[in-house]
C-alpha atoms as a PDB file:
ATOM      1  CA  MET A   1       0.000   0.000   0.000  1.00  0.00           C
ATOM      2  CA  LEU A   2       1.502   3.302  -1.092  1.00  0.00           C
ATOM      3  CA  ASP A   3       2.276   5.660   1.785  1.00  0.00           C
ATOM      4  CA  LEU A   4       3.917   8.993   1.038  1.00  0.00           C
ATOM      5  CA  ASN A   5       3.418  10.421   4.502  1.00  0.00           C
ATOM      6  CA  ASN A   6       6.716  11.659   5.937  1.00  0.00           C
ATOM      7  CA  LYS A   7       8.217  11.613   2.424  1.00  0.00           C
ATOM      8  CA  SER A   8       9.476  14.588   0.430  1.00  0.00           C
ATOM      9  CA  ILE A   9       8.209  14.939  -3.136  1.00  0.00           C
ATOM     10  CA  LEU A  10       9.266  17.273  -5.937  1.00  0.00           C
ATOM     11  CA  ILE A  11       7.464  17.953  -9.218  1.00  0.00           C
ATOM     12  CA  THR A  12       9.353  19.547 -12.095  1.00  0.00           C
ATOM     13  CA  GLY A  13       6.998  21.715 -14.114  1.00  0.00           C
ATOM     14  CA  GLY A  14       4.886  21.628 -10.984  1.00  0.00           C
ATOM     15  CA  THR A  15       2.866  24.757 -11.753  1.00  0.00           C
ATOM     16  CA  GLY A  16       1.200  23.161 -14.783  1.00  0.00           C
ATOM     17  CA  SER A  17      -2.196  21.423 -14.933  1.00  0.00           C
ATOM     18  CA  PHE A  18      -0.774  18.070 -13.831  1.00  0.00           C
ATOM     19  CA  GLY A  19       1.306  19.548 -11.036  1.00  0.00           C
ATOM     20  CA  LYS A  20      -1.622  21.396  -9.497  1.00  0.00           C
ATOM     21  CA  MET A  21      -3.861  18.326  -9.543  1.00  0.00           C
ATOM     22  CA  PHE A  22      -1.090  16.039  -8.251  1.00  0.00           C
ATOM     23  CA  THR A  23      -0.379  18.482  -5.419  1.00  0.00           C
ATOM     24  CA  LYS A  24      -4.083  18.573  -4.512  1.00  0.00           C
ATOM     25  CA  LEU A  25      -4.270  14.775  -4.394  1.00  0.00           C
ATOM     26  CA  ILE A  26      -1.041  14.440  -2.412  1.00  0.00           C
ATOM     27  CA  LEU A  27      -2.321  16.831   0.258  1.00  0.00           C
ATOM     28  CA  GLU A  28      -5.640  14.962   0.412  1.00  0.00           C
ATOM     29  CA  LYS A  29      -4.233  11.422   0.413  1.00  0.00           C
ATOM     30  CA  PHE A  30      -1.094  12.002   2.453  1.00  0.00           C
ATOM     31  CA  PRO A  31      -1.675  14.946   4.820  1.00  0.00           C
ATOM     32  CA  LYS A  32       1.534  14.167   6.707  1.00  0.00           C
ATOM     33  CA  VAL A  33       3.735  14.489   3.625  1.00  0.00           C
ATOM     34  CA  ASN A  34       7.001  16.030   4.769  1.00  0.00           C
ATOM     35  CA  ARG A  35       7.629  18.415   1.867  1.00  0.00           C
ATOM     36  CA  MET A  36       5.877  19.097  -1.411  1.00  0.00           C
ATOM     37  CA  VAL A  37       8.274  21.007  -3.660  1.00  0.00           C
ATOM     38  CA  ILE A  38       6.913  22.791  -6.737  1.00  0.00           C
ATOM     39  CA  PHE A  39       9.780  23.346  -9.186  1.00  0.00           C
ATOM     40  CA  SER A  40       9.078  25.539 -12.207  1.00  0.00           C
ATOM     41  CA  ARG A  41      10.681  28.340 -14.193  1.00  0.00           C
ATOM     42  CA  ASP A  42       7.511  30.475 -14.471  1.00  0.00           C
ATOM     43  CA  GLU A  43       7.301  32.924 -11.570  1.00  0.00           C
ATOM     44  CA  GLN A  44       3.818  34.092 -12.566  1.00  0.00           C
ATOM     45  CA  LYS A  45       2.478  30.526 -12.412  1.00  0.00           C
ATOM     46  CA  HIS A  46       4.164  30.118  -9.021  1.00  0.00           C
ATOM     47  CA  TYR A  47       2.347  33.213  -7.801  1.00  0.00           C
ATOM     48  CA  GLN A  48      -0.990  31.985  -9.167  1.00  0.00           C
ATOM     49  CA  MET A  49      -0.601  28.480  -7.718  1.00  0.00           C
ATOM     50  CA  ALA A  50       0.268  29.934  -4.326  1.00  0.00           C
ATOM     51  CA  GLN A  51      -3.189  31.560  -4.261  1.00  0.00           C
ATOM     52  CA  ASP A  52      -4.734  28.069  -4.310  1.00  0.00           C
ATOM     53  CA  PHE A  53      -2.119  26.463  -2.067  1.00  0.00           C
ATOM     54  CA  PRO A  54      -0.859  29.233   0.234  1.00  0.00           C
ATOM     55  CA  GLU A  55       2.135  28.345   2.379  1.00  0.00           C
ATOM     56  CA  ASP A  56       0.443  29.536   5.575  1.00  0.00           C
ATOM     57  CA  ARG A  57      -2.273  26.865   5.109  1.00  0.00           C
ATOM     58  CA  PHE A  58       0.043  24.273   3.602  1.00  0.00           C
ATOM     59  CA  PRO A  59       3.407  24.634   5.349  1.00  0.00           C
ATOM     60  CA  GLN A  60       4.645  21.476   3.570  1.00  0.00           C
ATOM     61  CA  ILE A  61       4.735  23.297   0.227  1.00  0.00           C
ATOM     62  CA  ARG A  62       7.857  24.945  -1.151  1.00  0.00           C
ATOM     63  CA  TYR A  63       7.856  26.981  -4.360  1.00  0.00           C
ATOM     64  CA  LEU A  64      11.218  26.833  -6.115  1.00  0.00           C
ATOM     65  CA  ILE A  65      11.913  28.783  -9.281  1.00  0.00           C
ATOM     66  CA  GLY A  66      14.293  26.900 -11.548  1.00  0.00           C
ATOM     67  CA  ASP A  67      14.803  25.366 -14.967  1.00  0.00           C
ATOM     68  CA  VAL A  68      15.491  21.713 -15.776  1.00  0.00           C
ATOM     69  CA  ARG A  69      18.199  23.005 -18.123  1.00  0.00           C
ATOM     70  CA  ASP A  70      20.164  24.001 -15.010  1.00  0.00           C
ATOM     71  CA  LEU A  71      21.814  20.930 -13.451  1.00  0.00           C
ATOM     72  CA  LYS A  72      23.202  22.757 -10.413  1.00  0.00           C
ATOM     73  CA  ARG A  73      19.799  24.189  -9.549  1.00  0.00           C
ATOM     74  CA  LEU A  74      18.235  20.737  -9.841  1.00  0.00           C
ATOM     75  CA  GLU A  75      20.878  19.209  -7.574  1.00  0.00           C
ATOM     76  CA  SER A  76      20.178  21.889  -4.989  1.00  0.00           C
ATOM     77  CA  ALA A  77      16.418  21.334  -5.264  1.00  0.00           C
ATOM     78  CA  PHE A  78      16.728  17.530  -5.026  1.00  0.00           C
ATOM     79  CA  GLU A  79      18.531  17.580  -1.665  1.00  0.00           C
ATOM     80  CA  GLY A  80      16.430  15.636   0.839  1.00  0.00           C
ATOM     81  CA  ILE A  81      13.857  14.603  -1.786  1.00  0.00           C
ATOM     82  CA  ASP A  82      12.555  11.009  -1.867  1.00  0.00           C
ATOM     83  CA  VAL A  83      10.351  11.053  -4.998  1.00  0.00           C
ATOM     84  CA  VAL A  84      10.708  13.158  -8.159  1.00  0.00           C
ATOM     85  CA  ILE A  85       7.894  13.494 -10.703  1.00  0.00           C
ATOM     86  CA  HIS A  86       9.302  14.908 -13.938  1.00  0.00           C
ATOM     87  CA  ALA A  87       6.494  16.811 -15.665  1.00  0.00           C
ATOM     88  CA  ALA A  88       8.453  19.743 -17.105  1.00  0.00           C
ATOM     89  CA  ALA A  89       8.489  19.795 -20.899  1.00  0.00           C
ATOM     90  CA  MET A  90       8.058  21.981 -23.942  1.00  0.00           C
ATOM     91  CA  LYS A  91       4.795  20.465 -25.186  1.00  0.00           C
ATOM     92  CA  HIS A  92       3.233  22.447 -28.046  1.00  0.00           C
ATOM     93  CA  VAL A  93       3.840  20.616 -31.323  1.00  0.00           C
ATOM     94  CA  HIS A  94       3.876  23.633 -33.625  1.00  0.00           C
ATOM     95  CA  LEU A  95       6.137  25.678 -31.342  1.00  0.00           C
ATOM     96  CA  ALA A  96       8.595  22.795 -31.138  1.00  0.00           C
ATOM     97  CA  GLU A  97       8.655  22.540 -34.931  1.00  0.00           C
ATOM     98  CA  TYR A  98       9.492  26.252 -35.199  1.00  0.00           C
ATOM     99  CA  ASN A  99      11.946  26.312 -32.253  1.00  0.00           C
ATOM    100  CA  PRO A 100      13.547  22.856 -32.426  1.00  0.00           C
ATOM    101  CA  MET A 101      16.685  23.437 -30.373  1.00  0.00           C
ATOM    102  CA  GLU A 102      14.709  24.972 -27.523  1.00  0.00           C
ATOM    103  CA  CYS A 103      12.593  21.821 -27.422  1.00  0.00           C
ATOM    104  CA  VAL A 104      15.722  19.632 -27.424  1.00  0.00           C
ATOM    105  CA  LYS A 105      17.297  21.665 -24.600  1.00  0.00           C
ATOM    106  CA  THR A 106      14.251  21.270 -22.346  1.00  0.00           C
ATOM    107  CA  ASN A 107      12.942  17.813 -23.229  1.00  0.00           C
ATOM    108  CA  ILE A 108      16.203  15.909 -23.813  1.00  0.00           C
ATOM    109  CA  ASN A 109      18.940  17.856 -22.038  1.00  0.00           C
ATOM    110  CA  GLY A 110      16.513  18.600 -19.227  1.00  0.00           C
ATOM    111  CA  ALA A 111      15.729  14.894 -18.845  1.00  0.00           C
ATOM    112  CA  GLU A 112      19.432  14.091 -18.612  1.00  0.00           C
ATOM    113  CA  ASN A 113      19.846  16.779 -15.951  1.00  0.00           C
ATOM    114  CA  VAL A 114      16.974  15.343 -13.900  1.00  0.00           C
ATOM    115  CA  ILE A 115      18.622  11.917 -14.074  1.00  0.00           C
ATOM    116  CA  ARG A 116      22.064  13.263 -13.129  1.00  0.00           C
ATOM    117  CA  ALA A 117      20.678  15.325 -10.260  1.00  0.00           C
ATOM    118  CA  ALA A 118      18.728  12.315  -8.921  1.00  0.00           C
ATOM    119  CA  LEU A 119      21.829  10.101  -9.101  1.00  0.00           C
ATOM    120  CA  ASN A 120      23.933  12.769  -7.366  1.00  0.00           C
ATOM    121  CA  THR A 121      21.521  13.114  -4.440  1.00  0.00           C
ATOM    122  CA  ASP A 122      19.551  10.606  -2.362  1.00  0.00           C
ATOM    123  CA  VAL A 123      16.387  10.486  -4.501  1.00  0.00           C
ATOM    124  CA  LYS A 124      14.816   7.009  -4.366  1.00  0.00           C
ATOM    125  CA  ASN A 125      12.167   7.100  -7.068  1.00  0.00           C
ATOM    126  CA  VAL A 126      11.806   9.054 -10.326  1.00  0.00           C
ATOM    127  CA  VAL A 127       8.683   8.904 -12.498  1.00  0.00           C
ATOM    128  CA  ALA A 128       8.806  10.768 -15.818  1.00  0.00           C
ATOM    129  CA  LEU A 129       5.669  11.846 -17.669  1.00  0.00           C
ATOM    130  CA  SER A 130       5.593  10.943 -21.359  1.00  0.00           C
ATOM    131  CA  THR A 131       3.060  11.330 -24.173  1.00  0.00           C
ATOM    132  CA  ASP A 132       1.362   9.228 -26.826  1.00  0.00           C
ATOM    133  CA  LYS A 133       3.283  11.324 -29.351  1.00  0.00           C
ATOM    134  CA  ALA A 134       6.484   9.547 -28.251  1.00  0.00           C
ATOM    135  CA  ALA A 135       5.283   6.294 -29.887  1.00  0.00           C
ATOM    136  CA  ALA A 136       6.413   6.192 -33.536  1.00  0.00           C
ATOM    137  CA  PRO A 137       6.897   9.980 -33.490  1.00  0.00           C
ATOM    138  CA  ILE A 138       6.466  12.127 -36.588  1.00  0.00           C
ATOM    139  CA  ASN A 139       7.023  15.511 -34.917  1.00  0.00           C
ATOM    140  CA  LEU A 140       9.944  16.937 -32.992  1.00  0.00           C
ATOM    141  CA  TYR A 141       8.039  17.091 -29.724  1.00  0.00           C
ATOM    142  CA  GLY A 142       7.295  13.361 -29.920  1.00  0.00           C
ATOM    143  CA  ALA A 143      10.877  12.586 -30.942  1.00  0.00           C
ATOM    144  CA  THR A 144      12.288  14.488 -27.978  1.00  0.00           C
ATOM    145  CA  LYS A 145       9.909  12.742 -25.594  1.00  0.00           C
ATOM    146  CA  LEU A 146      10.886   9.351 -27.029  1.00  0.00           C
ATOM    147  CA  ALA A 147      14.527  10.269 -26.418  1.00  0.00           C
ATOM    148  CA  SER A 148      13.578  11.358 -22.899  1.00  0.00           C
ATOM    149  CA  ASP A 149      11.794   8.040 -22.277  1.00  0.00           C
ATOM    150  CA  LYS A 150      14.876   6.128 -23.451  1.00  0.00           C
ATOM    151  CA  LEU A 151      17.102   8.165 -21.141  1.00  0.00           C
ATOM    152  CA  PHE A 152      14.966   7.404 -18.082  1.00  0.00           C
ATOM    153  CA  ILE A 153      14.762   3.714 -18.962  1.00  0.00           C
ATOM    154  CA  ALA A 154      18.529   3.481 -19.459  1.00  0.00           C
ATOM    155  CA  ALA A 155      19.191   5.401 -16.239  1.00  0.00           C
ATOM    156  CA  ASN A 156      18.482   2.166 -14.375  1.00  0.00           C
ATOM    157  CA  ASN A 157      21.609   0.709 -16.003  1.00  0.00           C
ATOM    158  CA  ILE A 158      23.918   3.326 -14.505  1.00  0.00           C
ATOM    159  CA  LYS A 159      22.574   3.631 -10.974  1.00  0.00           C
ATOM    160  CA  GLY A 160      25.194   1.257  -9.580  1.00  0.00           C
ATOM    161  CA  LYS A 161      24.490   0.442  -5.946  1.00  0.00           C
ATOM    162  CA  ARG A 162      22.235   3.444  -5.435  1.00  0.00           C
ATOM    163  CA  ASP A 163      18.768   2.692  -4.073  1.00  0.00           C
ATOM    164  CA  ILE A 164      16.858   4.398  -6.881  1.00  0.00           C
ATOM    165  CA  LYS A 165      14.520   3.439  -9.721  1.00  0.00           C
ATOM    166  CA  PHE A 166      13.409   5.289 -12.844  1.00  0.00           C
ATOM    167  CA  SER A 167      10.146   4.636 -14.698  1.00  0.00           C
ATOM    168  CA  VAL A 168       7.897   6.360 -17.252  1.00  0.00           C
ATOM    169  CA  VAL A 169       4.151   7.009 -17.456  1.00  0.00           C
ATOM    170  CA  ARG A 170       2.751   7.538 -20.973  1.00  0.00           C
ATOM    171  CA  TYR A 171      -0.792   8.728 -21.666  1.00  0.00           C
ATOM    172  CA  GLY A 172      -2.872  10.712 -24.150  1.00  0.00           C
ATOM    173  CA  ASN A 173      -4.762  13.996 -24.263  1.00  0.00           C
ATOM    174  CA  VAL A 174      -5.771  15.318 -20.846  1.00  0.00           C
ATOM    175  CA  MET A 175      -9.256  16.766 -20.521  1.00  0.00           C
ATOM    176  CA  GLY A 176      -9.292  20.462 -19.723  1.00  0.00           C
ATOM    177  CA  SER A 177      -5.515  20.910 -19.706  1.00  0.00           C
ATOM    178  CA  ASN A 178      -3.921  24.004 -21.212  1.00  0.00           C
ATOM    179  CA  GLY A 179      -4.225  23.955 -25.009  1.00  0.00           C
ATOM    180  CA  SER A 180      -6.542  20.929 -25.134  1.00  0.00           C
ATOM    181  CA  VAL A 181      -9.462  20.726 -27.542  1.00  0.00           C
ATOM    182  CA  MET A 182     -12.436  20.750 -25.143  1.00  0.00           C
ATOM    183  CA  PRO A 183     -11.828  24.190 -23.597  1.00  0.00           C
ATOM    184  CA  PHE A 184     -10.780  25.446 -27.057  1.00  0.00           C
ATOM    185  CA  PHE A 185     -14.121  24.473 -28.613  1.00  0.00           C
ATOM    186  CA  LEU A 186     -16.027  25.763 -25.575  1.00  0.00           C
ATOM    187  CA  LYS A 187     -14.300  29.146 -25.860  1.00  0.00           C
ATOM    188  CA  LYS A 188     -15.162  29.338 -29.577  1.00  0.00           C
ATOM    189  CA  LYS A 189     -18.803  28.574 -28.848  1.00  0.00           C
ATOM    190  CA  ARG A 190     -19.105  31.205 -26.117  1.00  0.00           C
ATOM    191  CA  ALA A 191     -17.348  33.798 -28.254  1.00  0.00           C
ATOM    192  CA  GLY A 192     -20.181  33.491 -30.768  1.00  0.00           C
ATOM    193  CA  GLU A 193     -18.084  31.963 -33.550  1.00  0.00           C
ATOM    194  CA  SER A 194     -19.981  30.629 -36.573  1.00  0.00           C
ATOM    195  CA  PHE A 195     -17.922  27.451 -36.952  1.00  0.00           C
ATOM    196  CA  LEU A 196     -15.468  25.132 -35.182  1.00  0.00           C
ATOM    197  CA  PRO A 197     -12.164  24.402 -36.943  1.00  0.00           C
ATOM    198  CA  ILE A 198     -11.655  20.644 -37.479  1.00  0.00           C
ATOM    199  CA  THR A 199      -8.225  19.469 -38.603  1.00  0.00           C
ATOM    200  CA  ASP A 200      -9.567  16.244 -40.138  1.00  0.00           C
ATOM    201  CA  SER A 201     -13.004  14.654 -39.844  1.00  0.00           C
ATOM    202  CA  ASN A 202     -11.437  11.218 -39.228  1.00  0.00           C
ATOM    203  CA  MET A 203      -9.054  12.356 -36.474  1.00  0.00           C
ATOM    204  CA  THR A 204      -9.120  10.486 -33.157  1.00  0.00           C
ATOM    205  CA  ARG A 205      -7.366  10.943 -29.829  1.00  0.00           C
ATOM    206  CA  PHE A 206      -7.013   9.129 -26.526  1.00  0.00           C
ATOM    207  CA  ASN A 207      -8.805  10.723 -23.571  1.00  0.00           C
ATOM    208  CA  ILE A 208      -7.826  10.786 -19.907  1.00  0.00           C
ATOM    209  CA  SER A 209      -8.690  12.957 -16.930  1.00  0.00           C
ATOM    210  CA  LEU A 210      -6.085  14.717 -14.816  1.00  0.00           C
ATOM    211  CA  GLU A 211      -7.108  12.601 -11.840  1.00  0.00           C
ATOM    212  CA  ASP A 212      -6.587   9.352 -13.751  1.00  0.00           C
ATOM    213  CA  GLY A 213      -3.204  10.590 -14.989  1.00  0.00           C
ATOM    214  CA  CYS A 214      -2.212  11.277 -11.389  1.00  0.00           C
ATOM    215  CA  GLU A 215      -3.443   7.850 -10.262  1.00  0.00           C
ATOM    216  CA  MET A 216      -1.145   6.292 -12.880  1.00  0.00           C
ATOM    217  CA  VAL A 217       1.787   8.117 -11.344  1.00  0.00           C
ATOM    218  CA  PHE A 218       0.840   6.837  -7.890  1.00  0.00           C
ATOM    219  CA  TYR A 219       0.709   3.334  -9.380  1.00  0.00           C
ATOM    220  CA  ALA A 220       4.186   3.755 -10.886  1.00  0.00           C
ATOM    221  CA  ILE A 221       5.633   5.090  -7.627  1.00  0.00           C
ATOM    222  CA  GLU A 222       4.347   2.023  -5.793  1.00  0.00           C
ATOM    223  CA  ASN A 223       4.845  -0.728  -8.371  1.00  0.00           C
ATOM    224  CA  ALA A 224       7.693   0.154 -10.734  1.00  0.00           C
ATOM    225  CA  TRP A 225      10.806  -1.988 -10.550  1.00  0.00           C
ATOM    226  CA  GLY A 226      12.695   0.329 -12.882  1.00  0.00           C
ATOM    227  CA  GLY A 227      12.645   0.785 -16.654  1.00  0.00           C
ATOM    228  CA  GLU A 228       8.931   0.323 -17.342  1.00  0.00           C
ATOM    229  CA  VAL A 229       6.759   2.532 -19.529  1.00  0.00           C
ATOM    230  CA  PHE A 230       3.262   2.346 -18.050  1.00  0.00           C
ATOM    231  CA  VAL A 231       0.337   2.893 -20.435  1.00  0.00           C
ATOM    232  CA  PRO A 232      -3.319   3.255 -19.358  1.00  0.00           C
ATOM    233  CA  LYS A 233      -6.330   1.527 -20.880  1.00  0.00           C
ATOM    234  CA  ILE A 234      -8.429   4.572 -21.740  1.00  0.00           C
ATOM    235  CA  PRO A 235     -11.163   5.439 -24.263  1.00  0.00           C
ATOM    236  CA  SER A 236     -10.717   7.289 -27.543  1.00  0.00           C
ATOM    237  CA  TYR A 237     -12.840  10.045 -29.021  1.00  0.00           C
ATOM    238  CA  ARG A 238     -13.469  11.329 -32.521  1.00  0.00           C
ATOM    239  CA  ILE A 239     -12.697  15.017 -32.861  1.00  0.00           C
ATOM    240  CA  THR A 240     -16.013  15.496 -34.678  1.00  0.00           C
ATOM    241  CA  ASP A 241     -17.870  13.966 -31.719  1.00  0.00           C
ATOM    242  CA  VAL A 242     -16.215  16.426 -29.330  1.00  0.00           C
ATOM    243  CA  ALA A 243     -17.318  19.302 -31.572  1.00  0.00           C
ATOM    244  CA  THR A 244     -20.875  17.946 -31.798  1.00  0.00           C
ATOM    245  CA  ALA A 245     -21.097  17.325 -28.060  1.00  0.00           C
ATOM    246  CA  ILE A 246     -20.009  20.876 -27.215  1.00  0.00           C
ATOM    247  CA  ALA A 247     -21.612  22.900 -30.011  1.00  0.00           C
ATOM    248  CA  PRO A 248     -24.057  20.880 -32.147  1.00  0.00           C
ATOM    249  CA  GLU A 249     -25.384  24.097 -33.665  1.00  0.00           C
ATOM    250  CA  LEU A 250     -22.043  25.178 -35.148  1.00  0.00           C
ATOM    251  CA  GLU A 251     -20.628  24.235 -38.544  1.00  0.00           C
ATOM    252  CA  GLN A 252     -17.573  21.984 -38.460  1.00  0.00           C
ATOM    253  CA  ARG A 253     -15.107  23.372 -40.964  1.00  0.00           C
ATOM    254  CA  VAL A 254     -12.161  21.158 -41.983  1.00  0.00           C
ATOM    255  CA  ILE A 255      -8.938  23.201 -42.028  1.00  0.00           C
ATOM    256  CA  GLY A 256      -6.391  20.427 -42.561  1.00  0.00           C
ATOM    257  CA  ILE A 257      -3.847  18.682 -40.345  1.00  0.00           C
ATOM    258  CA  ARG A 258      -1.172  20.993 -38.975  1.00  0.00           C
ATOM    259  CA  PRO A 259       2.572  20.251 -39.332  1.00  0.00           C
ATOM    260  CA  GLY A 260       3.624  17.390 -37.076  1.00  0.00           C
ATOM    261  CA  GLU A 261       0.093  16.120 -36.352  1.00  0.00           C
ATOM    262  CA  LYS A 262      -1.082  12.524 -36.745  1.00  0.00           C
ATOM    263  CA  LEU A 263      -4.524  11.331 -37.782  1.00  0.00           C
ATOM    264  CA  HIS A 264      -4.486   8.829 -34.907  1.00  0.00           C
ATOM    265  CA  GLU A 265      -2.225   8.692 -31.872  1.00  0.00           C
ATOM    266  CA  GLU A 266      -0.441   5.525 -30.782  1.00  0.00           C
ATOM    267  CA  MET A 267       0.773   4.514 -27.339  1.00  0.00           C
ATOM    268  CA  ILE A 268       2.082   1.002 -28.013  1.00  0.00           C
ATOM    269  CA  THR A 269       3.540   0.087 -31.403  1.00  0.00           C
ATOM    270  CA  ALA A 270       3.642  -3.392 -32.899  1.00  0.00           C
ATOM    271  CA  SER A 271       7.404  -3.377 -32.303  1.00  0.00           C
ATOM    272  CA  ASP A 272       6.771  -2.739 -28.588  1.00  0.00           C
ATOM    273  CA  SER A 273       4.474  -5.762 -28.348  1.00  0.00           C
ATOM    274  CA  TYR A 274       7.358  -8.183 -27.835  1.00  0.00           C
ATOM    275  CA  ASN A 275       8.136  -6.537 -24.478  1.00  0.00           C
ATOM    276  CA  THR A 276       4.628  -5.515 -23.386  1.00  0.00           C
ATOM    277  CA  ILE A 277       2.550  -7.070 -20.602  1.00  0.00           C
ATOM    278  CA  ASP A 278      -1.077  -6.586 -19.614  1.00  0.00           C
ATOM    279  CA  LEU A 279      -1.412  -5.647 -15.931  1.00  0.00           C
ATOM    280  CA  GLY A 280      -5.210  -5.417 -15.986  1.00  0.00           C
ATOM    281  CA  LYS A 281      -5.822  -1.682 -15.634  1.00  0.00           C
ATOM    282  CA  TYR A 282      -2.588  -0.762 -17.394  1.00  0.00           C
ATOM    283  CA  TYR A 283      -0.080  -2.052 -19.908  1.00  0.00           C
ATOM    284  CA  ALA A 284       3.636  -1.927 -19.236  1.00  0.00           C
ATOM    285  CA  ILE A 285       6.304  -1.811 -21.933  1.00  0.00           C
ATOM    286  CA  LEU A 286       9.286  -3.486 -20.284  1.00  0.00           C
ATOM    287  CA  PRO A 287      12.956  -2.841 -21.038  1.00  0.00           C
ATOM    288  CA  GLN A 288      14.290  -5.040 -23.814  1.00  0.00           C
ATOM    289  CA  GLN A 289      15.959  -8.115 -22.400  1.00  0.00           C
ATOM    290  CA  SER A 290      19.760  -8.205 -22.466  1.00  0.00           C
ATOM    291  CA  PRO A 291      22.573  -9.998 -20.599  1.00  0.00           C
ATOM    292  CA  TYR A 292      22.448  -7.086 -18.134  1.00  0.00           C
ATOM    293  CA  SER A 293      18.710  -7.226 -17.421  1.00  0.00           C
ATOM    294  CA  PHE A 294      17.711  -7.382 -13.775  1.00  0.00           C
ATOM    295  CA  TYR A 295      14.242  -8.846 -14.395  1.00  0.00           C
ATOM    296  CA  THR A 296      12.583 -11.114 -16.940  1.00  0.00           C
ATOM    297  CA  LEU A 297       9.075 -11.300 -18.351  1.00  0.00           C
ATOM    298  CA  SER A 298       8.476 -14.324 -16.142  1.00  0.00           C
ATOM    299  CA  ASP A 299       9.327 -12.292 -13.036  1.00  0.00           C
ATOM    300  CA  TYR A 300       6.690  -9.701 -13.926  1.00  0.00           C
ATOM    301  CA  LYS A 301       4.102 -12.330 -14.813  1.00  0.00           C
ATOM    302  CA  GLU A 302       4.530 -13.994 -11.457  1.00  0.00           C
ATOM    303  CA  ALA A 303       4.642 -10.838  -9.342  1.00  0.00           C
ATOM    304  CA  PHE A 304       1.726  -9.000 -10.983  1.00  0.00           C
ATOM    305  CA  ASN A 305      -0.328 -11.887 -12.386  1.00  0.00           C
ATOM    306  CA  ALA A 306       0.349 -10.238 -15.746  1.00  0.00           C
ATOM    307  CA  THR A 307      -0.123 -11.670 -19.214  1.00  0.00           C
ATOM    308  CA  LYS A 308       1.955 -11.114 -22.315  1.00  0.00           C
ATOM    309  CA  VAL A 309       0.204  -9.259 -25.158  1.00  0.00           C
ATOM    310  CA  GLU A 310       0.079 -10.919 -28.556  1.00  0.00           C
ATOM    311  CA  GLU A 311       3.011 -10.318 -30.857  1.00  0.00           C
ATOM    312  CA  GLY A 312       2.096  -7.585 -33.315  1.00  0.00           C
ATOM    313  CA  PHE A 313      -0.353  -5.976 -30.861  1.00  0.00           C
ATOM    314  CA  SER A 314      -0.620  -2.204 -31.189  1.00  0.00           C
ATOM    315  CA  TYR A 315      -2.614   0.313 -29.193  1.00  0.00           C
ATOM    316  CA  SER A 316      -3.870   3.250 -31.236  1.00  0.00           C
ATOM    317  CA  SER A 317      -6.640   5.796 -30.710  1.00  0.00           C
ATOM    318  CA  GLY A 318      -7.977   4.658 -34.094  1.00  0.00           C
ATOM    319  CA  ASN A 319      -8.130   0.915 -33.328  1.00  0.00           C
ATOM    320  CA  ASN A 320      -9.228   1.256 -29.712  1.00  0.00           C
ATOM    321  CA  LYS A 321     -12.065  -0.952 -28.460  1.00  0.00           C
ATOM    322  CA  THR A 322     -13.466   1.692 -26.096  1.00  0.00           C
ATOM    323  CA  TRP A 323     -14.957   4.982 -27.296  1.00  0.00           C
ATOM    324  CA  GLU A 324     -16.499   8.063 -25.749  1.00  0.00           C
ATOM    325  CA  THR A 325     -20.088   8.794 -26.818  1.00  0.00           C
ATOM    326  CA  LEU A 326     -21.730  12.182 -27.298  1.00  0.00           C
ATOM    327  CA  GLU A 327     -23.433  11.742 -23.918  1.00  0.00           C
ATOM    328  CA  SER A 328     -20.243  10.758 -22.101  1.00  0.00           C
ATOM    329  CA  LEU A 329     -18.335  13.634 -23.721  1.00  0.00           C
ATOM    330  CA  ARG A 330     -20.942  16.161 -22.564  1.00  0.00           C
ATOM    331  CA  SER A 331     -20.753  14.782 -19.024  1.00  0.00           C
ATOM    332  CA  LEU A 332     -16.957  14.909 -19.087  1.00  0.00           C
ATOM    333  CA  VAL A 333     -16.941  18.521 -20.286  1.00  0.00           C
ATOM    334  CA  LYS A 334     -19.226  19.483 -17.389  1.00  0.00           C
ATOM    335  CA  LYS A 335     -17.189  17.504 -14.845  1.00  0.00           C
ATOM    336  CA  HIS A 336     -13.632  18.280 -15.933  1.00  0.00           C
ATOM    337  CA  VAL A 337     -13.739  21.476 -18.018  1.00  0.00           C
ATOM    338  CA  ASP A 338     -16.622  23.760 -17.049  1.00  0.00           C
ATOM    339  CA  SER A 339     -19.247  22.996 -14.415  1.00  0.00           C
ATOM    340  CA  ASN A 340     -21.577  25.571 -16.022  1.00  0.00           C
ATOM    341  CA  PHE A 341     -21.727  23.647 -19.286  1.00  0.00           C
ATOM    342  CA  GLU A 342     -25.307  22.567 -20.051  1.00  0.00           C
ATOM    343  CA  VAL A 343     -25.491  18.835 -20.684  1.00  0.00           C
END
């Protein structure tokens, strides 16, 4: 049973949507947490988050301004930390395409710095947040996140005798997060626009709530052995269904796929299937077996009552077996995006 009471936790990129929800859940689930450190480079977001989680009410919280590009700052921040959640990233596809080296510096070099800082301090557990765009990437953002995933997986090979483990959590679009489609369509509707822009009428995406994304991280903290990429079993939605659910009265105007976008997102490729197990609620892509592997597929099967997926199995938002309906999408918008939305 996971118990983070009396532990110290740090979230890189902690002032983002995930960080705020994870902080809320930590304070609810583990009120005796020793320290909750919010690490982010955006001072304005620090100020705004402190309005919701003021230090006089939550003396466990520390707000640290810093950048994952700065190894020395990370090492200073990681002193006395037990668990690191790495959520900091440059995430907007089109901005990464236009500013590629900035994306590389944050998503790849920053990942290496997090690993180095964790190895140089007494951190025990590191969970890195990934994205469905890291599976068979076609844009720079996805490519940098794939490289980041590989770095965290391989970090387990260089830990030596240190008591530390590195794992990855990979999931799809988060409802209501900054830049996501649901609040975008809702804003268009309330602004009195005459149409909603649709990139492609066949486009699909995975769908997960912030709470479920956080629960995956809790699962990884408790159950990871080191080197796994955990993937949730979540529903897909059609972009046209989201538009219809939010604004059925508005025209849906196809504007074309933007640079770096996919028609369907993928979280497990057919090539990953040879190392993927089914844990029930989640999948886990395990490190490829080598003479230096610490664990085997059989070890995981026995410990977690897991089953091996079929060879050639792939997990795409287009071939998913579970789909959101218009009714479920309307309910989700009201629950996770805007409580004033009329279902």
